[in-house]
C-alpha atoms as a PDB file:
ATOM      1  CA  MET A   1       0.271  18.535  33.021  1.00  0.00           C
ATOM      2  CA  ARG A   2       1.234  20.640  30.399  1.00  0.00           C
ATOM      3  CA  PRO A   3      -0.250  19.957  27.005  1.00  0.00           C
ATOM      4  CA  VAL A   4       2.668  19.210  24.227  1.00  0.00           C
ATOM      5  CA  CYS A   5       2.879  18.468  20.637  1.00  0.00           C
ATOM      6  CA  SER A   6       3.865  15.714  19.785  1.00  0.00           C
ATOM      7  CA  SER A   7       2.782  12.557  17.359  1.00  0.00           C
ATOM      8  CA  PRO A   8       2.668   8.835  17.693  1.00  0.00           C
ATOM      9  CA  LEU A   9       0.520   9.217  14.319  1.00  0.00           C
ATOM     10  CA  SER A  10       3.465   9.337  10.530  1.00  0.00           C
ATOM     11  CA  THR A  11       5.185  12.370  11.071  1.00  0.00           C
ATOM     12  CA  VAL A  12       7.002  11.860   7.767  1.00  0.00           C
ATOM     13  CA  THR A  13       7.833  15.138   5.198  1.00  0.00           C
ATOM     14  CA  ASP A  14      10.076  15.276   2.104  1.00  0.00           C
ATOM     15  CA  ASP A  15      11.561  18.491   3.889  1.00  0.00           C
ATOM     16  CA  GLN A  16      12.771  15.811   6.651  1.00  0.00           C
ATOM     17  CA  MET A  17      14.099  12.742   4.246  1.00  0.00           C
ATOM     18  CA  LYS A  18      16.063  15.094   2.070  1.00  0.00           C
ATOM     19  CA  ILE A  19      16.975  16.971   5.574  1.00  0.00           C
ATOM     20  CA  THR A  20      18.599  13.441   7.322  1.00  0.00           C
ATOM     21  CA  GLY A  21      19.236  11.477   3.789  1.00  0.00           C
ATOM     22  CA  ALA A  22      17.047   8.899   4.975  1.00  0.00           C
ATOM     23  CA  PHE A  23      14.378   8.294   2.262  1.00  0.00           C
ATOM     24  CA  PHE A  24      11.505   6.759   1.686  1.00  0.00           C
ATOM     25  CA  PRO A  25      11.481   3.589   0.268  1.00  0.00           C
ATOM     26  CA  GLU A  26      15.022   2.667   1.890  1.00  0.00           C
ATOM     27  CA  VAL A  27      13.912   3.780   5.417  1.00  0.00           C
ATOM     28  CA  HIS A  28      11.056   0.609   5.978  1.00  0.00           C
ATOM     29  CA  ARG A  29      13.690  -2.070   5.516  1.00  0.00           C
ATOM     30  CA  ASP A  30      16.650  -0.262   7.333  1.00  0.00           C
ATOM     31  CA  GLY A  31      16.840   0.139  11.206  1.00  0.00           C
ATOM     32  CA  TYR A  32      18.805   2.897  11.408  1.00  0.00           C
ATOM     33  CA  LEU A  33      17.653   4.766   8.520  1.00  0.00           C
ATOM     34  CA  MET A  34      13.993   4.225  10.437  1.00  0.00           C
ATOM     35  CA  TYR A  35      15.935   5.813  13.559  1.00  0.00           C
ATOM     36  CA  LYS A  36      17.149   8.892  11.326  1.00  0.00           C
ATOM     37  CA  LEU A  37      14.200   9.661   9.796  1.00  0.00           C
ATOM     38  CA  ALA A  38      11.846   9.843  13.235  1.00  0.00           C
ATOM     39  CA  GLU A  39      14.646  11.685  14.876  1.00  0.00           C
ATOM     40  CA  ALA A  40      13.925  14.465  12.761  1.00  0.00           C
ATOM     41  CA  ALA A  41       9.996  14.608  14.018  1.00  0.00           C
ATOM     42  CA  TYR A  42      11.979  15.541  16.819  1.00  0.00           C
ATOM     43  CA  SER A  43      15.370  16.969  15.210  1.00  0.00           C
ATOM     44  CA  VAL A  44      13.786  18.783  12.487  1.00  0.00           C
ATOM     45  CA  MET A  45      10.350  19.614  13.012  1.00  0.00           C
ATOM     46  CA  GLY A  46      10.726  20.008  17.406  1.00  0.00           C
ATOM     47  CA  LEU A  47       7.769  17.509  18.027  1.00  0.00           C
ATOM     48  CA  GLU A  48       7.852  16.021  21.419  1.00  0.00           C
ATOM     49  CA  GLY A  49       8.315  12.079  20.370  1.00  0.00           C
ATOM     50  CA  PHE A  50       9.115  10.031  18.344  1.00  0.00           C
ATOM     51  CA  ARG A  51       7.386   7.275  16.059  1.00  0.00           C
ATOM     52  CA  VAL A  52       8.069   3.493  14.223  1.00  0.00           C
ATOM     53  CA  PRO A  53       7.370   2.035  11.876  1.00  0.00           C
ATOM     54  CA  PHE A  54       5.800   4.460   9.144  1.00  0.00           C
ATOM     55  CA  ASP A  55       3.710   1.636   7.748  1.00  0.00           C
ATOM     56  CA  LEU A  56       0.965   0.163   9.043  1.00  0.00           C
ATOM     57  CA  CYS A  57       2.240  -3.760   7.234  1.00  0.00           C
ATOM     58  CA  ILE A  58       5.047  -4.931   9.722  1.00  0.00           C
ATOM     59  CA  GLU A  59       2.707  -8.141  11.486  1.00  0.00           C
ATOM     60  CA  ALA A  60       0.775  -8.774   7.903  1.00  0.00           C
ATOM     61  CA  GLU A  61       3.646  -8.752   6.411  1.00  0.00           C
ATOM     62  CA  ALA A  62       5.333 -11.636   8.522  1.00  0.00           C
ATOM     63  CA  PHE A  63       1.748 -13.723   8.751  1.00  0.00           C
ATOM     64  CA  GLY A  64       2.035 -13.379   4.506  1.00  0.00           C
ATOM     65  CA  CYS A  65       0.233 -10.665   3.423  1.00  0.00           C
ATOM     66  CA  VAL A  66       1.527  -9.632   0.185  1.00  0.00           C
ATOM     67  CA  LEU A  67       2.659  -6.517   0.070  1.00  0.00           C
ATOM     68  CA  LYS A  68       2.948  -3.406  -2.503  1.00  0.00           C
ATOM     69  CA  PRO A  69       6.282  -2.335  -1.009  1.00  0.00           C
ATOM     70  CA  GLY A  70       5.536   2.030  -1.194  1.00  0.00           C
ATOM     71  CA  ASP A  71       7.460   4.301  -2.809  1.00  0.00           C
ATOM     72  CA  ALA A  72       9.046   7.966  -2.505  1.00  0.00           C
ATOM     73  CA  GLU A  73       5.624   8.699  -0.875  1.00  0.00           C
ATOM     74  CA  SER A  74       4.089   6.236  -0.205  1.00  0.00           C
ATOM     75  CA  PRO A  75       4.408   3.189   3.215  1.00  0.00           C
ATOM     76  CA  PRO A  76       3.568   0.306   1.901  1.00  0.00           C
ATOM     77  CA  SER A  77       0.316  -1.262   1.535  1.00  0.00           C
ATOM     78  CA  ILE A  78      -1.349  -4.903   1.864  1.00  0.00           C
ATOM     79  CA  ILE A  79      -2.369  -5.868  -1.217  1.00  0.00           C
ATOM     80  CA  VAL A  80      -3.284  -9.807  -0.663  1.00  0.00           C
ATOM     81  CA  PRO A  81      -4.221 -10.536   2.980  1.00  0.00           C
ATOM     82  CA  ALA A  82      -2.383 -14.248   4.138  1.00  0.00           C
ATOM     83  CA  THR A  83      -3.873 -17.594   2.473  1.00  0.00           C
ATOM     84  CA  ASP A  84      -3.615 -19.254   5.899  1.00  0.00           C
ATOM     85  CA  PHE A  85      -2.766 -17.271   9.261  1.00  0.00           C
ATOM     86  CA  LYS A  86      -2.315 -19.490  12.502  1.00  0.00           C
ATOM     87  CA  PHE A  87      -1.460 -17.648  15.613  1.00  0.00           C
ATOM     88  CA  PRO A  88       2.930 -18.445  15.689  1.00  0.00           C
ATOM     89  CA  GLU A  89       3.985 -21.437  18.240  1.00  0.00           C
ATOM     90  CA  ASP A  90       7.063 -19.589  18.390  1.00  0.00           C
ATOM     91  CA  ILE A  91       6.214 -16.260  19.125  1.00  0.00           C
ATOM     92  CA  LYS A  92       9.587 -15.256  19.577  1.00  0.00           C
ATOM     93  CA  ALA A  93      10.856 -17.208  15.809  1.00  0.00           C
ATOM     94  CA  THR A  94       7.707 -15.031  14.602  1.00  0.00           C
ATOM     95  CA  LEU A  95       9.947 -11.806  15.853  1.00  0.00           C
ATOM     96  CA  LYS A  96      13.052 -12.815  13.440  1.00  0.00           C
ATOM     97  CA  LYS A  97      10.576 -12.794  10.245  1.00  0.00           C
ATOM     98  CA  GLY A  98       9.601  -9.847   7.769  1.00  0.00           C
ATOM     99  CA  ARG A  99      10.947  -6.338   9.221  1.00  0.00           C
ATOM    100  CA  PHE A 100      10.859  -7.066  12.940  1.00  0.00           C
ATOM    101  CA  PRO A 101      14.379  -6.765  13.231  1.00  0.00           C
ATOM    102  CA  VAL A 102      14.347  -3.527  11.864  1.00  0.00           C
ATOM    103  CA  ILE A 103      11.744  -1.814  13.761  1.00  0.00           C
ATOM    104  CA  PHE A 104      13.739  -3.182  16.630  1.00  0.00           C
ATOM    105  CA  LYS A 105      16.767  -1.885  15.429  1.00  0.00           C
ATOM    106  CA  ALA A 106      15.598   1.854  15.432  1.00  0.00           C
ATOM    107  CA  LEU A 107      13.846   1.377  18.532  1.00  0.00           C
ATOM    108  CA  SER A 108      17.253   0.778  20.494  1.00  0.00           C
ATOM    109  CA  GLU A 109      18.576   3.702  18.613  1.00  0.00           C
ATOM    110  CA  LEU A 110      16.403   5.701  19.754  1.00  0.00           C
ATOM    111  CA  ARG A 111      15.934   4.473  23.633  1.00  0.00           C
ATOM    112  CA  ARG A 112      19.854   4.771  23.134  1.00  0.00           C
ATOM    113  CA  LYS A 113      20.212   8.072  23.066  1.00  0.00           C
ATOM    114  CA  TYR A 114      16.158  10.038  23.776  1.00  0.00           C
ATOM    115  CA  ASP A 115      15.233   7.388  26.630  1.00  0.00           C
ATOM    116  CA  LYS A 116      13.900   8.808  29.287  1.00  0.00           C
ATOM    117  CA  LEU A 117      13.998  12.334  27.694  1.00  0.00           C
ATOM    118  CA  LEU A 118      11.046  11.984  25.313  1.00  0.00           C
ATOM    119  CA  PRO A 119       8.258   9.468  24.696  1.00  0.00           C
ATOM    120  CA  ILE A 120       9.285   7.221  22.176  1.00  0.00           C
ATOM    121  CA  TYR A 121       5.622   5.559  21.052  1.00  0.00           C
ATOM    122  CA  GLY A 122       6.073   1.636  19.526  1.00  0.00           C
ATOM    123  CA  GLY A 123       2.935   0.888  16.546  1.00  0.00           C
ATOM    124  CA  VAL A 124       1.070  -1.982  17.075  1.00  0.00           C
ATOM    125  CA  VAL A 125      -1.746  -2.177  14.582  1.00  0.00           C
ATOM    126  CA  GLY A 126      -5.193  -2.747  16.495  1.00  0.00           C
ATOM    127  CA  PRO A 127      -7.574  -6.012  16.396  1.00  0.00           C
ATOM    128  CA  MET A 128     -10.545  -5.158  13.608  1.00  0.00           C
ATOM    129  CA  THR A 129      -7.556  -3.341  11.366  1.00  0.00           C
ATOM    130  CA  LEU A 130      -4.718  -6.581  11.430  1.00  0.00           C
ATOM    131  CA  ALA A 131      -8.125  -8.590  11.509  1.00  0.00           C
ATOM    132  CA  GLY A 132      -8.648  -7.040   7.691  1.00  0.00           C
ATOM    133  CA  HIS A 133      -5.176  -7.378   6.805  1.00  0.00           C
ATOM    134  CA  LEU A 134      -4.771 -11.112   7.953  1.00  0.00           C
ATOM    135  CA  TYR A 135      -8.013 -12.098   6.330  1.00  0.00           C
ATOM    136  CA  GLY A 136      -9.744  -9.680   3.982  1.00  0.00           C
ATOM    137  CA  PRO A 137     -11.836  -6.728   5.566  1.00  0.00           C
ATOM    138  CA  ASN A 138     -14.571  -7.347   3.730  1.00  0.00           C
ATOM    139  CA  ASN A 139     -14.619 -10.877   4.912  1.00  0.00           C
ATOM    140  CA  ILE A 140     -14.184  -9.247   8.431  1.00  0.00           C
ATOM    141  CA  LEU A 141     -17.338  -7.880   8.699  1.00  0.00           C
ATOM    142  CA  ARG A 142     -19.224 -10.378   6.741  1.00  0.00           C
ATOM    143  CA  LEU A 143     -18.481 -12.897   9.929  1.00  0.00           C
ATOM    144  CA  MET A 144     -19.312  -9.845  12.072  1.00  0.00           C
ATOM    145  CA  ILE A 145     -22.840 -10.524  10.754  1.00  0.00           C
ATOM    146  CA  LYS A 146     -22.711 -14.385   9.880  1.00  0.00           C
ATOM    147  CA  ASP A 147     -21.018 -16.365  12.005  1.00  0.00           C
ATOM    148  CA  PRO A 148     -19.560 -14.129  14.732  1.00  0.00           C
ATOM    149  CA  ASP A 149     -19.212 -17.214  16.759  1.00  0.00           C
ATOM    150  CA  LYS A 150     -15.855 -17.538  14.231  1.00  0.00           C
ATOM    151  CA  LEU A 151     -15.261 -14.197  14.424  1.00  0.00           C
ATOM    152  CA  LEU A 152     -14.533 -13.026  17.832  1.00  0.00           C
ATOM    153  CA  PRO A 153     -11.732 -15.477  18.339  1.00  0.00           C
ATOM    154  CA  ILE A 154      -9.569 -14.166  15.962  1.00  0.00           C
ATOM    155  CA  PHE A 155      -9.774 -10.645  17.461  1.00  0.00           C
ATOM    156  CA  LEU A 156      -8.796 -12.701  20.547  1.00  0.00           C
ATOM    157  CA  SER A 157      -5.954 -14.364  19.043  1.00  0.00           C
ATOM    158  CA  VAL A 158      -4.446 -11.380  17.380  1.00  0.00           C
ATOM    159  CA  ALA A 159      -4.661  -9.621  20.717  1.00  0.00           C
ATOM    160  CA  GLU A 160      -3.156 -11.671  22.399  1.00  0.00           C
ATOM    161  CA  PHE A 161      -0.027 -12.422  19.538  1.00  0.00           C
ATOM    162  CA  SER A 162      -0.587  -7.698  20.003  1.00  0.00           C
ATOM    163  CA  SER A 163       0.131  -7.831  22.806  1.00  0.00           C
ATOM    164  CA  TYR A 164       3.084  -9.926  23.026  1.00  0.00           C
ATOM    165  CA  TYR A 165       4.552  -7.600  19.872  1.00  0.00           C
ATOM    166  CA  ALA A 166       4.583  -4.822  22.360  1.00  0.00           C
ATOM    167  CA  ASN A 167       5.642  -6.010  25.260  1.00  0.00           C
ATOM    168  CA  ARG A 168       9.526  -6.633  22.885  1.00  0.00           C
ATOM    169  CA  LEU A 169       8.580  -3.006  21.402  1.00  0.00           C
ATOM    170  CA  ILE A 170       8.891  -2.016  24.989  1.00  0.00           C
ATOM    171  CA  LYS A 171      11.407  -4.278  25.518  1.00  0.00           C
ATOM    172  CA  GLU A 172      13.797  -2.577  22.512  1.00  0.00           C
ATOM    173  CA  GLY A 173      13.274   0.965  23.434  1.00  0.00           C
ATOM    174  CA  ALA A 174       9.411   1.758  23.144  1.00  0.00           C
ATOM    175  CA  ASN A 175       7.861   3.448  26.090  1.00  0.00           C
ATOM    176  CA  VAL A 176       4.710   3.920  24.826  1.00  0.00           C
ATOM    177  CA  ILE A 177       2.379   1.525  22.971  1.00  0.00           C
ATOM    178  CA  PHE A 178       0.370   3.013  20.091  1.00  0.00           C
ATOM    179  CA  ILE A 179      -2.724   1.347  18.852  1.00  0.00           C
ATOM    180  CA  ILE A 180      -3.266   2.124  15.446  1.00  0.00           C
ATOM    181  CA  ASP A 181      -6.955   0.803  14.901  1.00  0.00           C
ATOM    182  CA  PRO A 182      -8.239   2.858  12.044  1.00  0.00           C
ATOM    183  CA  THR A 183     -11.053   0.539  10.397  1.00  0.00           C
ATOM    184  CA  ALA A 184     -12.659   0.129  13.984  1.00  0.00           C
ATOM    185  CA  SER A 185     -14.819   2.484  13.121  1.00  0.00           C
ATOM    186  CA  GLY A 186     -18.190   4.498  14.051  1.00  0.00           C
ATOM    187  CA  SER A 187     -18.049   4.678  10.089  1.00  0.00           C
ATOM    188  CA  MET A 188     -17.914   0.857   9.658  1.00  0.00           C
ATOM    189  CA  ILE A 189     -19.090  -0.609  12.734  1.00  0.00           C
ATOM    190  CA  SER A 190     -21.417  -0.294  15.204  1.00  0.00           C
ATOM    191  CA  PRO A 191     -21.397   0.298  18.531  1.00  0.00           C
ATOM    192  CA  LYS A 192     -23.087  -3.234  19.456  1.00  0.00           C
ATOM    193  CA  HIS A 193     -20.779  -4.790  17.564  1.00  0.00           C
ATOM    194  CA  PHE A 194     -18.204  -2.572  18.617  1.00  0.00           C
ATOM    195  CA  GLU A 195     -18.268  -3.250  22.368  1.00  0.00           C
ATOM    196  CA  LYS A 196     -19.139  -7.039  21.077  1.00  0.00           C
ATOM    197  CA  PHE A 197     -15.839  -7.944  19.379  1.00  0.00           C
ATOM    198  CA  ILE A 198     -13.269  -5.307  19.458  1.00  0.00           C
ATOM    199  CA  MET A 199     -13.352  -4.100  23.248  1.00  0.00           C
ATOM    200  CA  PRO A 200     -12.988  -7.832  24.232  1.00  0.00           C
ATOM    201  CA  ALA A 201      -9.886  -7.530  22.104  1.00  0.00           C
ATOM    202  CA  TYR A 202      -8.663  -4.360  23.932  1.00  0.00           C
ATOM    203  CA  GLN A 203      -9.097  -5.817  27.180  1.00  0.00           C
ATOM    204  CA  ILE A 204      -6.795  -8.850  26.397  1.00  0.00           C
ATOM    205  CA  LEU A 205      -4.066  -5.788  25.382  1.00  0.00           C
ATOM    206  CA  ARG A 206      -4.752  -3.563  28.214  1.00  0.00           C
ATOM    207  CA  GLU A 207      -3.967  -6.681  30.830  1.00  0.00           C
ATOM    208  CA  LYS A 208      -0.968  -7.459  28.978  1.00  0.00           C
ATOM    209  CA  ILE A 209       0.560  -4.423  28.055  1.00  0.00           C
ATOM    210  CA  ARG A 210       3.298  -3.245  30.778  1.00  0.00           C
ATOM    211  CA  ASP A 211       3.838  -0.090  29.756  1.00  0.00           C
ATOM    212  CA  PRO A 212       1.383   3.872  29.063  1.00  0.00           C
ATOM    213  CA  ILE A 213      -1.467   3.285  25.623  1.00  0.00           C
ATOM    214  CA  ILE A 214      -2.104   5.401  23.036  1.00  0.00           C
ATOM    215  CA  LEU A 215      -4.875   4.026  20.794  1.00  0.00           C
ATOM    216  CA  HIS A 216      -6.136   6.047  17.452  1.00  0.00           C
ATOM    217  CA  ILE A 217      -9.503   5.093  15.784  1.00  0.00           C
ATOM    218  CA  CYS A 218     -10.392   7.119  12.492  1.00  0.00           C
ATOM    219  CA  GLY A 219     -13.383   7.880  11.271  1.00  0.00           C
ATOM    220  CA  ASP A 220     -16.670   8.983  13.058  1.00  0.00           C
ATOM    221  CA  THR A 221     -15.728   7.806  16.749  1.00  0.00           C
ATOM    222  CA  ASN A 222     -18.339   9.765  18.567  1.00  0.00           C
ATOM    223  CA  MET A 223     -20.942   7.097  18.950  1.00  0.00           C
ATOM    224  CA  LEU A 224     -17.535   4.800  20.392  1.00  0.00           C
ATOM    225  CA  LEU A 225     -16.266   7.813  23.033  1.00  0.00           C
ATOM    226  CA  SER A 226     -18.143   6.409  25.546  1.00  0.00           C
ATOM    227  CA  LEU A 227     -17.210   3.091  25.264  1.00  0.00           C
ATOM    228  CA  ILE A 228     -13.543   3.970  24.212  1.00  0.00           C
ATOM    229  CA  ALA A 229     -13.400   5.355  27.818  1.00  0.00           C
ATOM    230  CA  ASP A 230     -14.131   2.133  29.166  1.00  0.00           C
ATOM    231  CA  THR A 231     -10.970   0.614  27.616  1.00  0.00           C
ATOM    232  CA  GLY A 232      -8.584   2.075  30.351  1.00  0.00           C
ATOM    233  CA  PHE A 233      -6.605   3.185  27.845  1.00  0.00           C
ATOM    234  CA  GLU A 234      -4.015   5.874  29.010  1.00  0.00           C
ATOM    235  CA  ALA A 235      -4.881   8.089  25.338  1.00  0.00           C
ATOM    236  CA  PHE A 236      -7.347   8.343  22.973  1.00  0.00           C
ATOM    237  CA  THR A 237      -5.974  10.523  19.484  1.00  0.00           C
ATOM    238  CA  PHE A 238      -9.194  10.795  17.335  1.00  0.00           C
ATOM    239  CA  GLU A 239     -10.229  12.101  13.435  1.00  0.00           C
ATOM    240  CA  GLY A 240     -11.481  15.920  13.305  1.00  0.00           C
ATOM    241  CA  PRO A 241     -13.217  18.044  12.353  1.00  0.00           C
ATOM    242  CA  THR A 242     -15.786  14.223  12.767  1.00  0.00           C
ATOM    243  CA  VAL A 243     -15.013  14.514  16.391  1.00  0.00           C
ATOM    244  CA  THR A 244     -14.627  17.890  17.880  1.00  0.00           C
ATOM    245  CA  VAL A 245     -12.187  18.161  21.322  1.00  0.00           C
ATOM    246  CA  LYS A 246     -14.569  19.784  23.235  1.00  0.00           C
ATOM    247  CA  LYS A 247     -17.660  16.665  21.812  1.00  0.00           C
ATOM    248  CA  ALA A 248     -14.398  14.035  23.152  1.00  0.00           C
ATOM    249  CA  LYS A 249     -13.933  16.240  26.795  1.00  0.00           C
ATOM    250  CA  GLU A 250     -17.860  15.825  27.299  1.00  0.00           C
ATOM    251  CA  ILE A 251     -18.168  11.748  26.853  1.00  0.00           C
ATOM    252  CA  ILE A 252     -14.342  10.985  27.994  1.00  0.00           C
ATOM    253  CA  GLY A 253     -13.765  13.901  30.764  1.00  0.00           C
ATOM    254  CA  ASP A 254     -10.561  13.291  32.209  1.00  0.00           C
ATOM    255  CA  ARG A 255     -10.414   9.425  31.526  1.00  0.00           C
ATOM    256  CA  MET A 256      -8.446   9.945  29.419  1.00  0.00           C
ATOM    257  CA  ALA A 257      -5.786  11.810  27.493  1.00  0.00           C
ATOM    258  CA  LEU A 258      -7.180  13.453  24.437  1.00  0.00           C
ATOM    259  CA  GLY A 259      -4.834  13.757  20.988  1.00  0.00           C
ATOM    260  CA  GLY A 260      -5.682  15.961  17.902  1.00  0.00           C
ATOM    261  CA  ASN A 261      -7.671  17.108  15.634  1.00  0.00           C
ATOM    262  CA  ILE A 262      -5.445  19.637  12.924  1.00  0.00           C
ATOM    263  CA  PRO A 263      -6.890  19.129  10.266  1.00  0.00           C
ATOM    264  CA  ILE A 264      -4.586  17.454   7.847  1.00  0.00           C
ATOM    265  CA  ASP A 265      -5.730  19.748   4.908  1.00  0.00           C
ATOM    266  CA  LEU A 266      -4.330  23.181   7.283  1.00  0.00           C
ATOM    267  CA  MET A 267      -1.631  21.564   7.115  1.00  0.00           C
ATOM    268  CA  LEU A 268      -0.816  20.705   3.729  1.00  0.00           C
ATOM    269  CA  LEU A 269      -2.521  23.911   2.646  1.00  0.00           C
ATOM    270  CA  GLY A 270      -3.210  26.517   4.876  1.00  0.00           C
ATOM    271  CA  LYS A 271      -0.894  29.355   6.696  1.00  0.00           C
ATOM    272  CA  PRO A 272       1.138  28.998   9.442  1.00  0.00           C
ATOM    273  CA  SER A 273      -0.867  32.141  10.698  1.00  0.00           C
ATOM    274  CA  GLU A 274      -4.292  29.681  11.172  1.00  0.00           C
ATOM    275  CA  ILE A 275      -3.276  26.598  11.531  1.00  0.00           C
ATOM    276  CA  LYS A 276      -1.780  28.481  15.095  1.00  0.00           C
ATOM    277  CA  LYS A 277      -5.099  29.915  15.307  1.00  0.00           C
ATOM    278  CA  GLN A 278      -6.762  26.674  15.243  1.00  0.00           C
ATOM    279  CA  VAL A 279      -4.582  25.106  17.882  1.00  0.00           C
ATOM    280  CA  PHE A 280      -4.931  27.351  20.412  1.00  0.00           C
ATOM    281  CA  MET A 281      -8.623  26.408  19.850  1.00  0.00           C
ATOM    282  CA  ALA A 282      -8.022  22.454  20.408  1.00  0.00           C
ATOM    283  CA  LEU A 283      -5.819  24.094  23.504  1.00  0.00           C
ATOM    284  CA  LYS A 284      -9.020  25.896  24.853  1.00  0.00           C
ATOM    285  CA  ASP A 285     -11.361  23.567  23.886  1.00  0.00           C
ATOM    286  CA  GLY A 286      -8.524  20.629  26.681  1.00  0.00           C
ATOM    287  CA  ILE A 287      -6.524  19.062  24.179  1.00  0.00           C
ATOM    288  CA  ASP A 288      -3.770  17.299  25.852  1.00  0.00           C
ATOM    289  CA  ILE A 289      -1.755  16.348  23.010  1.00  0.00           C
ATOM    290  CA  VAL A 290      -2.200  18.310  19.364  1.00  0.00           C
ATOM    291  CA  MET A 291      -1.079  16.476  16.593  1.00  0.00           C
ATOM    292  CA  THR A 292      -2.549  16.529  12.925  1.00  0.00           C
ATOM    293  CA  ALA A 293      -6.365  14.708  13.350  1.00  0.00           C
ATOM    294  CA  CYS A 294      -4.103  11.711  10.709  1.00  0.00           C
ATOM    295  CA  GLY A 295      -1.192  11.776   9.788  1.00  0.00           C
ATOM    296  CA  ILE A 296       1.279  14.418   8.849  1.00  0.00           C
ATOM    297  CA  PRO A 297       1.101  14.673   5.086  1.00  0.00           C
ATOM    298  CA  ILE A 298       4.025  14.096   3.657  1.00  0.00           C
ATOM    299  CA  HIS A 299       4.413  17.261   1.545  1.00  0.00           C
ATOM    300  CA  SER A 300       3.891  19.713   4.564  1.00  0.00           C
ATOM    301  CA  PRO A 301       5.962  22.530   4.594  1.00  0.00           C
ATOM    302  CA  MET A 302       7.894  22.800   7.522  1.00  0.00           C
ATOM    303  CA  GLU A 303       6.920  25.547   8.652  1.00  0.00           C
ATOM    304  CA  ASN A 304       3.547  24.628   8.981  1.00  0.00           C
ATOM    305  CA  VAL A 305       4.494  21.870  10.930  1.00  0.00           C
ATOM    306  CA  LYS A 306       6.649  24.106  12.948  1.00  0.00           C
ATOM    307  CA  ALA A 307       3.694  26.532  13.632  1.00  0.00           C
ATOM    308  CA  MET A 308       1.883  24.066  15.560  1.00  0.00           C
ATOM    309  CA  VAL A 309       4.891  23.360  16.847  1.00  0.00           C
ATOM    310  CA  GLU A 310       5.272  27.045  18.312  1.00  0.00           C
ATOM    311  CA  ALA A 311       1.269  27.483  18.574  1.00  0.00           C
ATOM    312  CA  VAL A 312       1.664  25.038  21.869  1.00  0.00           C
ATOM    313  CA  LYS A 313       4.619  26.793  23.366  1.00  0.00           C
ATOM    314  CA  GLU A 314       2.880  30.357  22.836  1.00  0.00           C
ATOM    315  CA  PHE A 315      -0.421  28.941  25.177  1.00  0.00           C
ATOM    316  CA  ASN A 316       2.005  27.330  27.636  1.00  0.00           C
ATOM    317  CA  GLU A 317       4.013  30.655  28.382  1.00  0.00           C
ATOM    318  CA  VAL A 318       0.536  32.313  28.675  1.00  0.00           C
ATOM    319  CA  THR A 319      -1.407  29.593  30.908  1.00  0.00           C
END
């Protein structure tokens, strides 16, 4: 399989919003505008694929978390956890709440135009991160130490809902599920806790989601790489330079496709020639999906994003 330049992480930039006329924060609550802005990742920048939604609060909002709505430069974020989370008795009814219908509309528009042509990434918040949204991240970390018997059912319950939601995303138009679990990081939890609490939840997701799965975890995941390889997911995207392509390749090998790890500060402040050099290094080290180590910064110059795309094309032409 040839390397690709694609990003299941955030791809929105100022230039794309200006060209499409679809702007933050309106796109977060308008399915057609969300589709137009997602499409720009390919139509404007040349990235092979589309990701919706643009924030990590869709599930949490529907379950009662209070959001800061976001503005012209930043997506919505959570300011108050849910006060009384219960696994929904009627999941179909739950998926009519909040902004779920907005996501489904954007996906259906993308499928109508790009089905079977390019990856359409449906974003699902991972169990560690979603549990943190619902109960508060500090409470989750406290339970991990003080009351582990109470915590595991929370993760499993969250994963059950997320697997149902993921399959609904597939029904509406996604063909790859992207599990975004930034707080399941070795920077926050130990390998022992990752294996005890996170891995069983990932196993539920793997068993119940019928399409390919990509996992993203932020921060230092070096100590977690061997466990991540056991998830059965098709791909893992990671944050560099904390995790290098060589290290990820050494531990995971060919068990998963690997995505990363162009530094975001280079994308934001570097020159196109510097970005191309970094891309060539990652490709030579064995990266499969060239993308930024975290989401593309919103103020990234268009020429920098395009330099990443062009470098992959140039590499493929000579190999």
